[in-house]
N, C-alpha and C. Protein backbone atom coordinates (compact mmCIF):
# COMPACT_ATOMS: atom_id res chain seq x y z
N MET A 1 60.28 42.05 -70.12
CA MET A 1 59.49 41.76 -71.55
C MET A 1 60.10 40.27 -71.82
N ARG A 2 60.78 39.46 -71.45
CA ARG A 2 61.46 37.94 -71.20
C ARG A 2 60.05 37.86 -71.23
N GLY A 3 59.94 37.00 -72.36
CA GLY A 3 58.89 35.41 -72.59
C GLY A 3 57.78 36.16 -73.29
N THR A 4 58.51 37.27 -74.26
CA THR A 4 57.19 37.94 -75.28
C THR A 4 57.61 36.94 -75.88
N SER A 5 56.61 37.84 -77.47
CA SER A 5 57.12 37.09 -78.94
C SER A 5 57.22 38.63 -79.53
N ARG A 6 57.84 39.37 -78.87
CA ARG A 6 58.02 40.83 -80.08
C ARG A 6 59.23 40.94 -81.44
N CYS A 7 59.42 40.54 -81.68
CA CYS A 7 59.73 40.74 -83.79
C CYS A 7 60.46 41.91 -83.93
N VAL A 8 62.01 41.62 -84.22
CA VAL A 8 62.73 42.95 -84.32
C VAL A 8 63.23 42.89 -85.66
N SER A 9 63.16 44.43 -86.93
CA SER A 9 63.40 43.76 -88.20
C SER A 9 65.38 44.58 -88.19
N LEU A 10 65.73 44.12 -88.66
CA LEU A 10 67.21 44.42 -88.31
C LEU A 10 67.82 44.82 -89.44
N LEU A 11 68.21 45.73 -90.21
CA LEU A 11 68.42 46.11 -91.69
C LEU A 11 69.97 46.48 -91.51
N LEU A 12 71.22 45.84 -92.38
CA LEU A 12 72.39 47.01 -91.64
C LEU A 12 72.53 46.86 -93.45
N ALA A 13 73.36 48.08 -94.06
CA ALA A 13 73.69 47.91 -94.99
C ALA A 13 75.39 49.09 -95.19
N ASN A 14 75.99 48.08 -95.49
CA ASN A 14 77.73 48.27 -95.31
C ASN A 14 78.17 48.20 -95.63
N PRO A 15 79.04 47.83 -97.13
CA PRO A 15 79.85 46.76 -97.79
C PRO A 15 80.71 46.86 -97.13
N LYS A 16 81.11 46.93 -96.48
CA LYS A 16 82.80 47.09 -95.46
C LYS A 16 82.47 45.41 -94.33
N PRO A 17 82.64 44.42 -94.23
CA PRO A 17 82.31 43.53 -93.32
C PRO A 17 83.13 44.17 -91.89
N SER A 18 84.06 44.40 -92.36
CA SER A 18 84.92 44.95 -90.69
C SER A 18 84.26 46.91 -90.36
N SER A 19 83.07 46.73 -90.44
CA SER A 19 83.11 48.05 -90.50
C SER A 19 82.55 48.05 -88.81
N LEU A 20 82.81 49.41 -88.64
CA LEU A 20 81.97 50.30 -87.64
C LEU A 20 80.02 49.55 -87.38
N CYS A 21 79.98 49.80 -88.37
CA CYS A 21 78.58 49.49 -88.88
C CYS A 21 77.86 48.12 -88.16
N HIS A 22 79.13 46.91 -88.52
CA HIS A 22 78.39 45.67 -88.41
C HIS A 22 78.74 45.29 -86.93
N ALA A 23 79.67 46.52 -86.16
CA ALA A 23 79.87 45.95 -84.85
C ALA A 23 78.36 46.50 -84.09
N LEU A 24 78.25 48.10 -84.60
CA LEU A 24 77.28 48.05 -84.56
C LEU A 24 76.02 47.32 -84.36
N ALA A 25 75.90 46.92 -85.41
CA ALA A 25 74.35 46.38 -85.99
C ALA A 25 74.80 44.41 -84.19
N SER A 26 75.71 43.63 -84.49
CA SER A 26 75.94 42.83 -83.88
C SER A 26 75.50 43.20 -82.32
N ALA A 27 75.67 44.62 -82.09
CA ALA A 27 75.35 44.93 -80.69
C ALA A 27 74.12 45.30 -80.21
N GLY A 28 72.94 46.03 -81.87
CA GLY A 28 71.70 45.85 -81.44
C GLY A 28 71.09 45.00 -81.24
N ALA A 29 71.66 44.02 -82.01
CA ALA A 29 70.91 41.72 -82.09
C ALA A 29 71.36 41.91 -80.83
N GLU A 30 72.06 41.64 -80.01
CA GLU A 30 72.53 41.28 -78.90
C GLU A 30 71.66 41.88 -77.57
N ALA A 31 71.23 43.19 -77.75
CA ALA A 31 70.53 44.00 -76.50
C ALA A 31 69.16 43.08 -77.27
N CYS A 32 68.82 43.47 -78.74
CA CYS A 32 67.66 42.52 -78.70
C CYS A 32 67.01 41.22 -77.77
N ARG A 33 68.07 39.96 -78.15
CA ARG A 33 67.77 38.84 -77.83
C ARG A 33 68.19 39.07 -76.59
N SER A 34 69.01 39.65 -75.75
CA SER A 34 69.28 39.31 -74.22
C SER A 34 67.26 40.18 -73.50
N LEU A 35 66.99 40.74 -74.18
CA LEU A 35 65.24 41.05 -73.84
C LEU A 35 64.11 40.06 -74.39
N GLY A 36 64.63 38.70 -75.03
CA GLY A 36 63.88 38.43 -75.58
C GLY A 36 63.31 38.62 -76.98
N CYS A 37 63.80 39.20 -77.38
CA CYS A 37 63.47 39.80 -78.82
C CYS A 37 63.86 38.40 -79.91
N GLU A 38 62.86 37.89 -80.46
CA GLU A 38 63.14 37.30 -82.13
C GLU A 38 64.51 38.27 -83.11
N VAL A 39 65.19 37.87 -83.95
CA VAL A 39 65.79 39.15 -84.37
C VAL A 39 65.36 38.70 -85.77
N HIS A 40 65.14 39.48 -87.00
CA HIS A 40 65.36 39.32 -88.49
C HIS A 40 66.07 40.10 -88.81
N ALA A 41 67.95 39.28 -88.91
CA ALA A 41 68.96 40.31 -89.09
C ALA A 41 69.18 40.69 -90.58
N HIS A 42 69.39 41.66 -91.29
CA HIS A 42 69.76 41.51 -92.97
C HIS A 42 70.62 42.36 -92.68
N ASP A 43 71.93 41.30 -93.63
CA ASP A 43 72.44 42.30 -93.97
C ASP A 43 73.20 42.14 -95.40
N LEU A 44 72.28 43.81 -96.29
CA LEU A 44 71.31 43.84 -97.43
C LEU A 44 72.75 43.16 -98.70
N TYR A 45 73.92 43.93 -98.05
CA TYR A 45 74.87 42.95 -99.52
C TYR A 45 75.11 41.90 -99.68
N GLN A 46 75.62 41.48 -98.42
CA GLN A 46 75.67 39.91 -98.08
C GLN A 46 74.67 39.26 -98.94
N GLU A 47 73.63 39.55 -98.33
CA GLU A 47 72.36 39.06 -99.31
C GLU A 47 72.18 38.96 -100.79
N GLY A 48 72.84 40.65 -101.35
CA GLY A 48 72.70 40.85 -102.52
C GLY A 48 71.63 41.40 -102.96
N PHE A 49 70.80 42.10 -102.26
CA PHE A 49 69.30 42.57 -102.25
C PHE A 49 69.93 44.05 -103.66
N LYS A 50 68.58 43.11 -104.52
CA LYS A 50 68.68 43.98 -105.81
C LYS A 50 67.77 45.57 -105.18
N PRO A 51 68.01 47.13 -104.83
CA PRO A 51 67.44 48.20 -105.18
C PRO A 51 66.57 48.35 -106.55
N LEU A 52 67.02 48.40 -107.01
CA LEU A 52 65.62 48.60 -108.34
C LEU A 52 64.41 48.04 -108.51
N LEU A 53 64.09 49.26 -108.12
CA LEU A 53 62.17 49.21 -108.65
C LEU A 53 61.37 49.18 -110.00
N GLU A 54 61.78 48.03 -110.31
CA GLU A 54 60.90 47.71 -111.82
C GLU A 54 59.77 48.67 -112.40
N PRO A 55 59.19 48.49 -113.44
CA PRO A 55 57.86 49.53 -113.67
C PRO A 55 56.85 48.37 -113.26
N GLU A 56 56.91 46.88 -113.52
CA GLU A 56 56.02 46.08 -113.44
C GLU A 56 56.22 46.05 -111.94
N GLU A 57 56.88 46.15 -110.87
CA GLU A 57 56.71 46.28 -109.30
C GLU A 57 55.80 47.38 -109.46
N LEU A 58 56.19 48.46 -109.93
CA LEU A 58 54.94 49.34 -108.74
C LEU A 58 54.62 49.56 -109.33
N LEU A 59 53.69 49.12 -110.60
CA LEU A 59 52.03 48.55 -110.78
C LEU A 59 51.52 47.97 -110.42
N GLN A 60 52.61 46.53 -110.11
CA GLN A 60 51.37 45.77 -109.96
C GLN A 60 51.13 45.16 -107.39
N ARG A 61 52.04 46.24 -108.22
CA ARG A 61 52.28 46.41 -106.08
C ARG A 61 52.51 44.99 -105.45
N ARG A 62 53.92 44.26 -106.42
CA ARG A 62 53.66 43.01 -105.52
C ARG A 62 55.20 42.42 -106.27
N SER A 63 56.22 41.87 -106.11
CA SER A 63 57.43 41.37 -106.18
C SER A 63 57.80 40.09 -106.49
N GLU A 64 57.71 39.54 -108.25
CA GLU A 64 58.51 37.91 -108.38
C GLU A 64 60.10 37.84 -107.44
N ASP A 65 60.38 38.79 -107.10
CA ASP A 65 61.71 37.92 -106.35
C ASP A 65 61.19 37.73 -104.74
N PRO A 66 61.62 36.25 -104.33
CA PRO A 66 60.61 36.00 -102.93
C PRO A 66 61.93 36.80 -101.90
N LEU A 67 63.15 37.44 -102.30
CA LEU A 67 63.49 37.79 -101.23
C LEU A 67 62.79 38.79 -100.63
N VAL A 68 62.45 40.46 -101.53
CA VAL A 68 61.48 41.08 -101.19
C VAL A 68 60.62 41.30 -100.32
N GLU A 69 59.71 39.67 -100.88
CA GLU A 69 58.55 39.47 -100.43
C GLU A 69 58.71 38.94 -99.65
N GLN A 70 59.90 38.48 -98.75
CA GLN A 70 60.23 37.66 -96.97
C GLN A 70 60.14 38.92 -96.57
N HIS A 71 61.08 40.26 -96.75
CA HIS A 71 61.24 41.22 -96.14
C HIS A 71 59.97 41.86 -96.08
N CYS A 72 59.06 42.02 -97.03
CA CYS A 72 57.59 42.58 -96.71
C CYS A 72 57.06 41.97 -96.16
N ARG A 73 56.88 40.78 -95.59
CA ARG A 73 56.38 39.83 -94.97
C ARG A 73 56.54 40.55 -92.97
N GLU A 74 58.09 40.44 -93.23
CA GLU A 74 59.03 40.67 -91.92
C GLU A 74 58.34 41.95 -91.36
N ALA A 75 58.74 43.10 -92.78
CA ALA A 75 57.87 44.36 -92.21
C ALA A 75 56.81 44.89 -91.59
N ALA A 76 55.83 43.96 -92.30
CA ALA A 76 54.47 44.01 -91.78
C ALA A 76 54.27 43.21 -90.72
N ALA A 77 55.56 42.44 -89.92
CA ALA A 77 55.14 41.41 -88.72
C ALA A 77 56.26 42.43 -87.64
N ALA A 78 56.50 43.11 -87.77
CA ALA A 78 57.87 43.47 -86.67
C ALA A 78 57.20 44.59 -85.52
N ASP A 79 57.64 44.64 -84.58
CA ASP A 79 57.12 45.39 -83.33
C ASP A 79 58.16 46.23 -83.46
N ALA A 80 59.76 46.01 -84.07
CA ALA A 80 60.45 47.34 -84.05
C ALA A 80 61.59 47.53 -85.43
N PHE A 81 61.94 48.29 -84.85
CA PHE A 81 62.88 48.55 -86.38
C PHE A 81 64.42 48.89 -86.19
N ILE A 82 65.15 48.15 -86.12
CA ILE A 82 66.81 48.93 -86.24
C ILE A 82 67.64 49.07 -87.69
N VAL A 83 67.83 50.01 -88.10
CA VAL A 83 68.17 50.74 -88.75
C VAL A 83 69.59 51.27 -89.41
N VAL A 84 70.90 50.04 -89.72
CA VAL A 84 72.34 50.65 -89.43
C VAL A 84 72.76 51.11 -90.90
N HIS A 85 73.43 52.68 -90.98
CA HIS A 85 74.23 52.44 -91.93
C HIS A 85 74.77 53.81 -92.14
N PRO A 86 76.38 53.79 -93.10
CA PRO A 86 76.38 54.82 -92.74
C PRO A 86 75.97 56.20 -93.25
N ASN A 87 76.74 57.29 -92.71
CA ASN A 87 75.95 58.52 -94.20
C ASN A 87 76.69 58.64 -94.44
N TRP A 88 75.94 58.55 -96.49
CA TRP A 88 76.76 58.88 -97.38
C TRP A 88 76.04 60.13 -97.93
N TRP A 89 76.64 61.15 -98.07
CA TRP A 89 76.81 62.31 -98.38
C TRP A 89 74.56 62.58 -97.85
N GLY A 90 74.37 62.55 -97.17
CA GLY A 90 73.55 62.39 -96.18
C GLY A 90 72.72 62.19 -96.60
N GLN A 91 72.87 60.57 -96.94
CA GLN A 91 71.98 59.71 -97.64
C GLN A 91 72.42 58.65 -97.02
N PRO A 92 71.33 57.70 -96.93
CA PRO A 92 72.05 55.76 -96.81
C PRO A 92 72.12 55.35 -98.36
N PRO A 93 73.06 53.80 -97.78
CA PRO A 93 73.56 53.71 -99.61
C PRO A 93 71.93 53.58 -100.32
N ALA A 94 72.52 53.77 -101.79
CA ALA A 94 71.27 52.89 -102.73
C ALA A 94 70.47 52.21 -102.43
N ILE A 95 71.29 50.59 -101.91
CA ILE A 95 70.54 49.32 -101.72
C ILE A 95 69.66 49.63 -100.56
N LEU A 96 69.76 50.33 -99.60
CA LEU A 96 69.26 50.37 -98.16
C LEU A 96 67.81 51.42 -98.66
N LYS A 97 67.92 52.50 -100.10
CA LYS A 97 67.05 53.07 -100.63
C LYS A 97 66.23 52.90 -101.32
N GLY A 98 66.86 51.78 -102.17
CA GLY A 98 66.60 50.61 -102.89
C GLY A 98 65.29 49.83 -101.53
N TRP A 99 65.54 49.10 -100.64
CA TRP A 99 64.62 48.27 -100.15
C TRP A 99 63.52 49.37 -99.78
N VAL A 100 63.82 50.84 -99.22
CA VAL A 100 62.63 51.05 -98.57
C VAL A 100 61.45 51.54 -99.83
N ASP A 101 62.66 51.10 -101.09
CA ASP A 101 61.44 51.78 -102.17
C ASP A 101 60.58 49.95 -102.46
N ARG A 102 61.59 48.88 -102.07
CA ARG A 102 60.64 48.44 -102.86
C ARG A 102 59.80 47.21 -101.63
N VAL A 103 60.04 47.91 -100.07
CA VAL A 103 59.67 47.04 -99.32
C VAL A 103 58.20 48.09 -98.57
N LEU A 104 58.84 49.03 -98.09
CA LEU A 104 57.57 49.44 -97.53
C LEU A 104 57.16 49.89 -98.78
N ARG A 105 55.68 49.48 -99.32
CA ARG A 105 55.21 50.07 -100.42
C ARG A 105 54.09 50.43 -100.05
N PRO A 106 52.79 50.43 -100.65
CA PRO A 106 51.75 50.49 -100.42
C PRO A 106 51.09 49.23 -99.89
N GLY A 107 50.19 49.22 -98.71
CA GLY A 107 49.40 47.82 -98.82
C GLY A 107 50.37 46.98 -98.09
N VAL A 108 51.58 47.47 -97.56
CA VAL A 108 52.11 46.83 -96.88
C VAL A 108 52.70 47.78 -95.64
N ALA A 109 53.77 49.22 -96.15
CA ALA A 109 53.78 49.71 -94.84
C ALA A 109 52.81 50.82 -95.13
N TYR A 110 51.63 51.23 -95.43
CA TYR A 110 51.01 52.21 -95.89
C TYR A 110 49.19 51.65 -96.95
N ARG A 111 49.07 52.87 -96.53
CA ARG A 111 47.64 52.90 -97.64
C ARG A 111 46.66 54.43 -97.61
N PHE A 112 46.35 54.57 -98.86
CA PHE A 112 45.59 55.76 -98.98
C PHE A 112 43.76 55.44 -99.10
N ASP A 113 42.57 55.93 -97.95
CA ASP A 113 41.84 55.99 -98.52
C ASP A 113 41.04 55.59 -99.72
N ALA A 114 39.35 54.64 -99.60
CA ALA A 114 39.76 54.99 -100.39
C ALA A 114 38.84 56.21 -101.67
N ASP A 115 38.81 57.78 -100.68
CA ASP A 115 37.99 58.77 -101.53
C ASP A 115 39.29 59.08 -101.83
N ASP A 116 40.79 59.25 -100.97
CA ASP A 116 41.89 59.81 -101.91
C ASP A 116 42.22 59.63 -103.38
N SER A 117 43.05 60.82 -103.64
CA SER A 117 43.58 60.25 -104.48
C SER A 117 45.15 60.01 -104.41
N GLY A 118 45.58 59.79 -103.43
CA GLY A 118 46.75 59.79 -103.42
C GLY A 118 47.83 60.77 -102.61
N ALA A 119 47.47 62.21 -102.96
CA ALA A 119 47.92 63.56 -102.52
C ALA A 119 47.45 64.08 -101.57
N GLY A 120 46.37 62.70 -100.47
CA GLY A 120 46.50 63.48 -98.96
C GLY A 120 47.59 62.89 -98.25
N VAL A 121 47.49 62.54 -96.56
CA VAL A 121 48.56 62.14 -95.65
C VAL A 121 47.76 60.02 -95.30
N PRO A 122 48.47 59.35 -95.84
CA PRO A 122 47.93 57.65 -95.78
C PRO A 122 47.82 57.29 -94.71
N THR A 123 47.38 55.70 -94.20
CA THR A 123 47.31 55.86 -93.36
C THR A 123 48.39 54.63 -93.11
N GLY A 124 49.13 54.50 -92.31
CA GLY A 124 50.31 53.81 -91.97
C GLY A 124 50.03 52.82 -91.36
N LEU A 125 50.38 51.15 -91.83
CA LEU A 125 50.03 49.83 -91.22
C LEU A 125 51.15 49.18 -90.63
N LEU A 126 52.20 50.09 -90.31
CA LEU A 126 53.05 49.00 -89.93
C LEU A 126 52.66 49.10 -88.78
N LYS A 127 52.93 47.99 -87.50
CA LYS A 127 52.55 47.64 -85.78
C LYS A 127 53.47 48.79 -85.36
N ALA A 128 55.20 48.30 -85.86
CA ALA A 128 56.00 48.47 -84.84
C ALA A 128 55.88 49.38 -83.95
N ARG A 129 56.28 49.49 -83.28
CA ARG A 129 56.20 50.45 -81.53
C ARG A 129 57.18 51.93 -82.08
N ILE A 130 58.24 50.90 -82.74
CA ILE A 130 59.48 52.34 -82.89
C ILE A 130 60.76 52.19 -83.67
N ALA A 131 61.82 53.15 -84.48
CA ALA A 131 62.25 52.86 -85.15
C ALA A 131 63.57 53.69 -84.72
N ILE A 132 64.99 52.05 -84.94
CA ILE A 132 66.26 52.77 -84.12
C ILE A 132 66.82 53.30 -85.12
N VAL A 133 67.45 54.16 -85.95
CA VAL A 133 68.49 54.34 -86.03
C VAL A 133 70.07 54.23 -86.43
N LEU A 134 70.94 53.86 -86.42
CA LEU A 134 72.07 54.15 -85.99
C LEU A 134 72.79 54.47 -86.74
N ASN A 135 73.81 55.10 -87.15
CA ASN A 135 74.58 55.64 -88.32
C ASN A 135 75.88 56.02 -87.42
N THR A 136 76.80 55.18 -88.98
CA THR A 136 78.76 56.17 -88.54
C THR A 136 78.73 57.11 -89.78
N SER A 137 78.96 58.31 -89.31
CA SER A 137 80.04 58.99 -89.80
C SER A 137 81.48 59.95 -90.29
N ASP A 138 81.76 60.65 -91.09
CA ASP A 138 83.22 61.04 -90.88
C ASP A 138 82.70 62.64 -90.74
N THR A 139 81.78 63.07 -90.69
CA THR A 139 81.73 64.81 -90.17
C THR A 139 81.47 64.99 -88.95
N PRO A 140 81.48 65.64 -88.59
CA PRO A 140 81.35 66.40 -86.64
C PRO A 140 79.36 66.19 -86.72
N MET A 141 78.74 65.93 -85.97
CA MET A 141 77.40 66.52 -85.55
C MET A 141 77.33 68.29 -85.80
N GLU A 142 77.86 68.82 -84.77
CA GLU A 142 77.76 69.97 -85.61
C GLU A 142 77.87 70.67 -86.68
N ARG A 143 78.57 70.60 -87.45
CA ARG A 143 78.57 70.34 -88.60
C ARG A 143 77.44 69.58 -89.24
N GLU A 144 77.08 68.41 -88.96
CA GLU A 144 75.64 68.05 -90.13
C GLU A 144 74.39 69.15 -89.35
N ARG A 145 74.29 68.66 -88.21
CA ARG A 145 73.47 70.29 -88.42
C ARG A 145 73.07 71.47 -88.67
N SER A 146 74.33 72.08 -88.90
CA SER A 146 74.00 73.86 -88.57
C SER A 146 74.58 73.88 -90.32
N ILE A 147 75.11 73.42 -90.53
CA ILE A 147 75.37 73.60 -92.32
C ILE A 147 74.59 72.68 -93.24
N PHE A 148 74.06 71.23 -93.10
CA PHE A 148 73.12 70.10 -93.92
C PHE A 148 72.44 69.91 -93.05
N GLY A 149 71.91 70.68 -92.15
CA GLY A 149 70.64 70.23 -91.48
C GLY A 149 70.14 68.66 -91.25
N ASP A 150 70.96 68.10 -91.17
CA ASP A 150 70.80 66.37 -90.71
C ASP A 150 70.01 66.44 -91.46
N PRO A 151 70.05 65.34 -92.70
CA PRO A 151 69.01 65.17 -93.38
C PRO A 151 68.21 64.09 -92.80
N LEU A 152 69.97 63.36 -92.59
CA LEU A 152 68.84 61.68 -91.84
C LEU A 152 67.83 61.45 -91.20
N ASP A 153 68.21 62.74 -89.72
CA ASP A 153 67.51 62.47 -89.18
C ASP A 153 66.19 63.27 -89.66
N THR A 154 65.72 63.94 -90.95
CA THR A 154 64.32 64.26 -91.31
C THR A 154 64.49 62.63 -92.72
N LEU A 155 64.53 62.16 -93.03
CA LEU A 155 64.86 61.17 -93.92
C LEU A 155 63.69 60.37 -93.34
N TRP A 156 64.47 59.52 -91.81
CA TRP A 156 64.14 58.30 -90.90
C TRP A 156 63.03 59.20 -90.46
N GLY A 157 63.21 60.09 -89.56
CA GLY A 157 62.31 60.35 -88.75
C GLY A 157 61.03 61.33 -88.57
N ARG A 158 61.25 62.28 -90.05
CA ARG A 158 59.96 62.52 -90.27
C ARG A 158 59.25 62.06 -91.78
N CYS A 159 59.98 62.13 -92.42
CA CYS A 159 59.61 60.94 -93.78
C CYS A 159 59.39 59.37 -93.96
N ILE A 160 59.87 58.82 -93.42
CA ILE A 160 59.81 56.94 -94.00
C ILE A 160 58.74 57.03 -92.62
N PHE A 161 59.75 56.39 -91.68
CA PHE A 161 59.07 55.75 -90.62
C PHE A 161 57.34 56.51 -90.06
N PRO A 162 57.44 57.47 -89.73
CA PRO A 162 55.81 58.43 -89.34
C PRO A 162 54.63 58.13 -90.28
N TYR A 163 55.17 58.13 -91.85
CA TYR A 163 53.85 57.79 -92.58
C TYR A 163 54.11 56.04 -92.66
N CYS A 164 54.54 56.27 -92.14
CA CYS A 164 54.50 54.26 -91.93
C CYS A 164 53.77 53.89 -91.08
N GLY A 165 53.27 55.27 -90.10
CA GLY A 165 52.69 54.81 -89.16
C GLY A 165 53.23 54.04 -87.48
N VAL A 166 54.21 54.56 -87.51
CA VAL A 166 54.71 53.62 -86.46
C VAL A 166 55.30 54.96 -85.53
N PRO A 167 55.35 55.03 -84.46
CA PRO A 167 54.72 56.64 -83.44
C PRO A 167 56.78 56.99 -83.04
N GLY A 168 57.42 55.70 -82.69
CA GLY A 168 58.99 55.89 -82.19
C GLY A 168 59.59 55.92 -82.77
N PHE A 169 60.47 56.81 -82.48
CA PHE A 169 61.74 56.93 -83.20
C PHE A 169 62.59 57.40 -82.67
N PHE A 170 63.96 56.59 -82.42
CA PHE A 170 65.38 57.31 -81.90
C PHE A 170 66.45 56.95 -83.36
N ARG A 171 67.36 58.25 -83.14
CA ARG A 171 68.53 57.99 -83.93
C ARG A 171 69.89 58.69 -83.16
N HIS A 172 71.19 57.66 -83.94
CA HIS A 172 72.01 58.15 -82.88
C HIS A 172 73.20 58.18 -84.08
N ALA A 173 74.08 58.69 -84.25
CA ALA A 173 75.59 59.35 -84.99
C ALA A 173 76.57 59.23 -84.22
N TYR A 174 77.19 57.98 -85.79
CA TYR A 174 78.14 57.79 -84.39
C TYR A 174 79.64 58.57 -84.88
N GLY A 175 80.54 59.52 -84.82
CA GLY A 175 81.89 59.70 -85.55
C GLY A 175 82.14 60.70 -84.78
N VAL A 176 83.83 61.38 -85.18
CA VAL A 176 84.24 60.92 -86.51
C VAL A 176 84.79 59.95 -86.43
N VAL A 177 84.15 58.47 -87.29
CA VAL A 177 85.09 57.28 -87.77
C VAL A 177 86.43 57.57 -88.21
N VAL A 178 86.70 57.94 -89.33
CA VAL A 178 87.63 57.51 -89.75
C VAL A 178 88.79 58.44 -88.45
N ASN A 179 88.90 59.28 -87.67
CA ASN A 179 90.30 58.86 -87.30
C ASN A 179 89.96 58.64 -85.59
N SER A 180 88.54 58.02 -84.91
CA SER A 180 89.02 57.43 -84.01
C SER A 180 89.64 56.19 -83.21
N ARG A 181 90.10 56.64 -82.18
CA ARG A 181 90.54 55.62 -81.60
C ARG A 181 89.73 54.42 -81.13
N PRO A 182 90.55 53.30 -81.20
CA PRO A 182 89.73 51.73 -80.77
C PRO A 182 89.04 52.16 -79.35
N GLU A 183 89.44 52.62 -78.50
CA GLU A 183 88.26 53.06 -76.97
C GLU A 183 87.26 53.81 -77.29
N GLU A 184 87.16 54.60 -78.01
CA GLU A 184 86.31 55.54 -79.27
C GLU A 184 85.58 54.46 -79.34
N ARG A 185 85.97 53.29 -80.52
CA ARG A 185 84.89 52.44 -80.93
C ARG A 185 83.86 51.62 -80.15
N ALA A 186 84.96 51.83 -78.82
CA ALA A 186 84.42 50.60 -77.93
C ALA A 186 83.41 51.21 -77.31
N ALA A 187 83.90 52.49 -77.00
CA ALA A 187 82.80 52.65 -76.17
C ALA A 187 81.05 52.88 -77.13
N TRP A 188 81.79 53.49 -78.50
CA TRP A 188 80.33 53.41 -79.15
C TRP A 188 79.76 52.26 -79.10
N ILE A 189 79.99 50.82 -79.82
CA ILE A 189 79.75 50.17 -79.45
C ILE A 189 78.83 49.30 -78.13
N GLU A 190 78.98 50.10 -77.18
CA GLU A 190 78.48 49.40 -75.94
C GLU A 190 77.32 50.45 -75.79
N HIS A 191 77.73 51.96 -75.98
CA HIS A 191 76.52 53.08 -76.11
C HIS A 191 75.47 52.63 -77.19
N ALA A 192 75.74 51.67 -78.24
CA ALA A 192 74.62 51.59 -79.44
C ALA A 192 74.00 50.80 -78.08
N ARG A 193 74.48 49.29 -78.20
CA ARG A 193 74.05 48.12 -76.77
C ARG A 193 72.94 48.87 -75.65
N ASP A 194 73.74 49.50 -74.83
CA ASP A 194 72.53 50.02 -74.05
C ASP A 194 71.40 50.97 -74.93
N ALA A 195 71.09 51.65 -75.70
CA ALA A 195 70.49 52.41 -75.85
C ALA A 195 69.23 51.59 -77.02
N VAL A 196 69.50 50.85 -77.85
CA VAL A 196 68.46 49.55 -78.72
C VAL A 196 67.78 48.88 -76.93
N SER A 197 68.73 48.44 -75.56
CA SER A 197 67.88 47.84 -75.03
C SER A 197 67.39 48.60 -74.35
N ALA A 198 67.60 50.40 -74.02
CA ALA A 198 66.85 50.79 -72.87
C ALA A 198 65.54 51.75 -74.01
N LYS A 199 66.18 51.44 -75.56
CA LYS A 199 64.66 52.36 -76.21
C LYS A 199 63.65 51.13 -76.49
N LEU A 200 63.83 49.82 -76.86
CA LEU A 200 63.15 48.87 -76.82
C LEU A 200 62.41 48.45 -75.89
N SER A 201 62.60 48.52 -74.46
CA SER A 201 62.19 48.28 -73.41
C SER A 201 61.05 49.44 -73.26
N GLU A 202 61.49 50.18 -73.84
CA GLU A 202 61.14 51.70 -72.73
C GLU A 202 59.21 51.76 -74.54
N ALA A 203 60.00 51.50 -75.21
CA ALA A 203 58.38 51.27 -76.05
C ALA A 203 58.16 50.28 -76.22
N PHE A 204 58.19 49.25 -75.40
CA PHE A 204 57.52 47.75 -75.21
C PHE A 204 56.70 47.93 -74.30
N ALA A 205 57.54 49.04 -72.78
CA ALA A 205 56.43 48.54 -71.71
C ALA A 205 54.94 50.04 -71.78
N GLY A 206 55.55 51.11 -72.74
CA GLY A 206 54.72 51.77 -73.39
C GLY A 206 53.43 51.05 -73.94
N ALA A 207 53.57 49.99 -74.86
CA ALA A 207 52.66 49.23 -76.29
C ALA A 207 51.58 48.38 -75.14
N ARG A 208 52.53 48.41 -73.73
CA ARG A 208 51.30 47.03 -72.67
C ARG A 208 50.71 48.44 -71.69
N SER A 209 50.95 49.34 -71.89
CA SER A 209 50.23 50.05 -70.82
C SER A 209 48.97 50.62 -71.22
């Protein structure tokens, strides 16, 4: 895959600079670059991304915010997405949900056919081959699945990325973070690096075949 011009859009949403999420995002970016990918990395909190979708923007399907328009261009051009965030109440942080609302909008991420009222199945517009979601959590995965139904897997893997035309999806949650040991966190970071490398290589190889 080296020598290609693949672009990866990497989104990080965690307000703590020393968080495990930041380390996972760095490992993911390193894996992308080791494969020869160009990485568009965004720490949404550091950038001060404004998550509120205003009525005018919803109606016009464009934004006066140049940062939003930059994200839209990058999302449309991305060959893969990496999304890193903590599990907060079974959801991503509000800043990341706002990114979805403002960036993965009609005309950028999906469209409805001319004879569709908007109630049908859209046509996904994103060209990305895969979306990789890495989460941190203080809930054991067994409990997340059995009690809560793993809502993040449903949100990203069934609702958002397939809706926008992305065929490949991989998600992994690391935890329990709150009582984890340094060696555990180091192993998780290495796992993230290896998983990103493997999943991107697999997705891009499939795109060539």
